[in-house]
Amino acid sequence: MMDNPNPNHHQLHWLDVEEIAEELAEAHPDVNPMTITFPRLKELVESLPGFKAQPGHPCNERILETIQGLWIEEKDG
């Protein structure tokens, strides 16, 4: 098993929607989650430190909608 290169972040995958939303709000304060496209949202999630898709848990529109909604809540927080 490989060590995570960034010890401040544990491994995230698509089902970690709340943690992903928090990470996105922190990493991209200049991005408006209300207007982001799903392809761009997917790119941003996949670029988060520690993110790794898990076999059997692919990304889909419902997951992206959930992440987007939680990110909006996080930003409005």
N, C-alpha and C. Protein backbone atom coordinates (compact mmCIF):
# COMPACT_ATOMS: atom_id res chain seq x y z
N MET A 1 0.84 -1.18 0.00
CA MET A 1 0.00 0.00 0.00
C MET A 1 0.88 1.24 0.00
N MET A 2 0.56 2.19 -0.85
CA MET A 2 1.37 3.40 -0.96
C MET A 2 0.94 4.42 0.08
N ASP A 3 1.91 5.17 0.58
CA ASP A 3 1.60 6.25 1.50
C ASP A 3 1.01 7.41 0.74
N ASN A 4 0.06 8.09 1.36
CA ASN A 4 -0.53 9.27 0.75
C ASN A 4 0.54 10.36 0.74
N PRO A 5 0.80 11.00 -0.41
CA PRO A 5 1.85 12.01 -0.48
C PRO A 5 1.55 13.24 0.37
N ASN A 6 0.31 13.50 0.69
CA ASN A 6 -0.05 14.64 1.52
C ASN A 6 -0.67 14.11 2.80
N PRO A 7 0.07 14.17 3.91
CA PRO A 7 -0.44 13.58 5.15
C PRO A 7 -1.65 14.31 5.73
N ASN A 8 -1.95 15.52 5.27
CA ASN A 8 -3.10 16.26 5.77
C ASN A 8 -4.41 15.79 5.15
N HIS A 9 -4.35 14.98 4.12
CA HIS A 9 -5.54 14.53 3.42
C HIS A 9 -5.57 13.01 3.38
N HIS A 10 -6.67 12.41 3.82
CA HIS A 10 -6.81 10.98 3.65
C HIS A 10 -7.45 10.73 2.29
N GLN A 11 -7.50 9.50 1.90
CA GLN A 11 -8.04 9.17 0.58
C GLN A 11 -9.54 9.42 0.52
N LEU A 12 -9.95 10.11 -0.54
CA LEU A 12 -11.36 10.39 -0.80
C LEU A 12 -11.80 9.60 -2.03
N HIS A 13 -13.08 9.24 -2.06
CA HIS A 13 -13.64 8.67 -3.29
C HIS A 13 -15.04 9.22 -3.47
N TRP A 14 -15.70 8.85 -4.54
CA TRP A 14 -16.96 9.49 -4.95
C TRP A 14 -18.06 9.46 -3.90
N LEU A 15 -18.05 8.51 -2.99
CA LEU A 15 -19.11 8.45 -2.00
C LEU A 15 -18.87 9.37 -0.79
N ASP A 16 -17.71 9.99 -0.73
CA ASP A 16 -17.37 10.92 0.35
C ASP A 16 -17.86 12.33 0.02
N VAL A 17 -19.15 12.44 -0.30
CA VAL A 17 -19.68 13.69 -0.86
C VAL A 17 -19.54 14.89 0.09
N GLU A 18 -19.75 14.69 1.38
CA GLU A 18 -19.65 15.82 2.31
C GLU A 18 -18.21 16.31 2.43
N GLU A 19 -17.28 15.39 2.56
CA GLU A 19 -15.87 15.78 2.65
C GLU A 19 -15.40 16.42 1.34
N ILE A 20 -15.87 15.90 0.22
CA ILE A 20 -15.50 16.48 -1.08
C ILE A 20 -16.00 17.92 -1.15
N ALA A 21 -17.24 18.17 -0.74
CA ALA A 21 -17.79 19.53 -0.78
C ALA A 21 -16.97 20.47 0.10
N GLU A 22 -16.59 20.01 1.28
CA GLU A 22 -15.76 20.82 2.17
C GLU A 22 -14.41 21.13 1.54
N GLU A 23 -13.79 20.12 0.95
CA GLU A 23 -12.49 20.29 0.30
C GLU A 23 -12.59 21.26 -0.88
N LEU A 24 -13.66 21.15 -1.67
CA LEU A 24 -13.84 22.04 -2.81
C LEU A 24 -14.02 23.49 -2.35
N ALA A 25 -14.81 23.69 -1.30
CA ALA A 25 -15.03 25.05 -0.78
C ALA A 25 -13.72 25.66 -0.31
N GLU A 26 -12.88 24.83 0.30
CA GLU A 26 -11.60 25.31 0.80
C GLU A 26 -10.60 25.55 -0.34
N ALA A 27 -10.56 24.64 -1.28
CA ALA A 27 -9.57 24.70 -2.36
C ALA A 27 -9.93 25.69 -3.47
N HIS A 28 -11.23 25.97 -3.64
CA HIS A 28 -11.67 26.81 -4.76
C HIS A 28 -12.67 27.87 -4.30
N PRO A 29 -12.24 28.79 -3.43
CA PRO A 29 -13.17 29.81 -2.92
C PRO A 29 -13.67 30.77 -3.99
N ASP A 30 -12.95 30.84 -5.11
CA ASP A 30 -13.31 31.74 -6.20
C ASP A 30 -14.31 31.12 -7.18
N VAL A 31 -14.60 29.83 -7.04
CA VAL A 31 -15.52 29.14 -7.96
C VAL A 31 -16.93 29.20 -7.40
N ASN A 32 -17.89 29.55 -8.25
CA ASN A 32 -19.29 29.59 -7.85
C ASN A 32 -19.91 28.21 -8.10
N PRO A 33 -20.23 27.47 -7.06
CA PRO A 33 -20.77 26.12 -7.27
C PRO A 33 -22.17 26.13 -7.90
N MET A 34 -22.84 27.27 -7.89
CA MET A 34 -24.18 27.33 -8.50
C MET A 34 -24.12 27.35 -10.03
N THR A 35 -22.99 27.77 -10.57
CA THR A 35 -22.89 27.89 -12.03
C THR A 35 -21.90 26.91 -12.66
N ILE A 36 -21.27 26.07 -11.85
CA ILE A 36 -20.27 25.15 -12.39
C ILE A 36 -20.94 24.05 -13.22
N THR A 37 -20.28 23.65 -14.29
CA THR A 37 -20.79 22.54 -15.10
C THR A 37 -20.35 21.22 -14.47
N PHE A 38 -21.10 20.16 -14.73
CA PHE A 38 -20.74 18.87 -14.17
C PHE A 38 -19.38 18.37 -14.67
N PRO A 39 -19.03 18.55 -15.96
CA PRO A 39 -17.69 18.13 -16.38
C PRO A 39 -16.59 18.87 -15.61
N ARG A 40 -16.77 20.16 -15.37
CA ARG A 40 -15.77 20.93 -14.62
C ARG A 40 -15.76 20.49 -13.15
N LEU A 41 -16.92 20.26 -12.57
CA LEU A 41 -17.00 19.79 -11.19
C LEU A 41 -16.27 18.46 -11.05
N LYS A 42 -16.48 17.57 -11.99
CA LYS A 42 -15.81 16.26 -11.95
C LYS A 42 -14.30 16.45 -12.01
N GLU A 43 -13.82 17.35 -12.86
CA GLU A 43 -12.38 17.63 -12.95
C GLU A 43 -11.84 18.15 -11.62
N LEU A 44 -12.56 19.07 -11.00
CA LEU A 44 -12.11 19.64 -9.73
C LEU A 44 -12.05 18.58 -8.64
N VAL A 45 -13.05 17.71 -8.59
CA VAL A 45 -13.05 16.64 -7.59
C VAL A 45 -11.87 15.71 -7.82
N GLU A 46 -11.67 15.31 -9.07
CA GLU A 46 -10.59 14.38 -9.39
C GLU A 46 -9.21 14.97 -9.12
N SER A 47 -9.11 16.30 -9.06
CA SER A 47 -7.82 16.95 -8.81
C SER A 47 -7.57 17.21 -7.32
N LEU A 48 -8.54 16.89 -6.46
CA LEU A 48 -8.34 17.09 -5.02
C LEU A 48 -7.24 16.17 -4.49
N PRO A 49 -6.42 16.69 -3.56
CA PRO A 49 -5.39 15.83 -2.96
C PRO A 49 -6.04 14.63 -2.28
N GLY A 50 -5.52 13.47 -2.56
CA GLY A 50 -6.02 12.26 -1.92
C GLY A 50 -7.23 11.63 -2.59
N PHE A 51 -7.76 12.26 -3.67
CA PHE A 51 -8.92 11.66 -4.33
C PHE A 51 -8.48 10.49 -5.19
N LYS A 52 -9.22 9.39 -5.08
CA LYS A 52 -8.99 8.23 -5.93
C LYS A 52 -10.31 7.51 -6.10
N ALA A 53 -10.76 7.38 -7.33
CA ALA A 53 -12.00 6.66 -7.60
C ALA A 53 -11.84 5.20 -7.17
N GLN A 54 -12.90 4.64 -6.62
CA GLN A 54 -12.89 3.25 -6.16
C GLN A 54 -13.61 2.37 -7.18
N PRO A 55 -13.08 1.18 -7.43
CA PRO A 55 -13.79 0.25 -8.32
C PRO A 55 -15.18 -0.03 -7.77
N GLY A 56 -16.16 -0.02 -8.66
CA GLY A 56 -17.53 -0.29 -8.26
C GLY A 56 -18.29 0.93 -7.76
N HIS A 57 -17.61 2.07 -7.67
CA HIS A 57 -18.25 3.31 -7.24
C HIS A 57 -17.95 4.42 -8.25
N PRO A 58 -18.49 4.31 -9.45
CA PRO A 58 -18.22 5.33 -10.46
C PRO A 58 -18.97 6.63 -10.16
N CYS A 59 -18.52 7.68 -10.79
CA CYS A 59 -19.19 8.96 -10.68
C CYS A 59 -20.44 8.93 -11.56
N ASN A 60 -21.50 9.56 -11.08
CA ASN A 60 -22.69 9.71 -11.92
C ASN A 60 -23.33 11.07 -11.63
N GLU A 61 -24.37 11.39 -12.38
CA GLU A 61 -25.00 12.70 -12.25
C GLU A 61 -25.57 12.94 -10.85
N ARG A 62 -26.11 11.91 -10.25
CA ARG A 62 -26.69 12.05 -8.90
C ARG A 62 -25.60 12.42 -7.88
N ILE A 63 -24.45 11.79 -7.97
CA ILE A 63 -23.34 12.11 -7.07
C ILE A 63 -22.88 13.54 -7.29
N LEU A 64 -22.74 13.95 -8.55
CA LEU A 64 -22.31 15.31 -8.84
C LEU A 64 -23.33 16.33 -8.34
N GLU A 65 -24.62 16.04 -8.50
CA GLU A 65 -25.67 16.94 -7.98
C GLU A 65 -25.56 17.08 -6.46
N THR A 66 -25.34 15.96 -5.80
CA THR A 66 -25.21 15.98 -4.34
C THR A 66 -24.01 16.80 -3.90
N ILE A 67 -22.87 16.57 -4.55
CA ILE A 67 -21.66 17.33 -4.23
C ILE A 67 -21.91 18.82 -4.47
N GLN A 68 -22.51 19.15 -5.60
CA GLN A 68 -22.79 20.55 -5.92
C GLN A 68 -23.68 21.19 -4.84
N GLY A 69 -24.74 20.50 -4.45
CA GLY A 69 -25.65 21.03 -3.44
C GLY A 69 -24.97 21.24 -2.10
N LEU A 70 -24.15 20.27 -1.70
CA LEU A 70 -23.42 20.39 -0.43
C LEU A 70 -22.38 21.50 -0.49
N TRP A 71 -21.75 21.67 -1.66
CA TRP A 71 -20.77 22.74 -1.83
C TRP A 71 -21.47 24.11 -1.71
N ILE A 72 -22.64 24.23 -2.30
CA ILE A 72 -23.41 25.47 -2.19
C ILE A 72 -23.72 25.76 -0.71
N GLU A 73 -24.16 24.74 0.02
CA GLU A 73 -24.44 24.90 1.46
C GLU A 73 -23.18 25.31 2.21
N GLU A 74 -22.07 24.66 1.88
CA GLU A 74 -20.80 24.95 2.53
C GLU A 74 -20.39 26.40 2.29
N LYS A 75 -20.55 26.85 1.06
CA LYS A 75 -20.16 28.21 0.69
C LYS A 75 -21.10 29.24 1.37
N ASP A 76 -22.37 28.92 1.46
CA ASP A 76 -23.34 29.82 2.11
C ASP A 76 -23.20 29.80 3.62
N GLY A 77 -22.63 28.69 4.15
CA GLY A 77 -22.46 28.38 5.54
C GLY A 77 -22.52 29.47 6.48
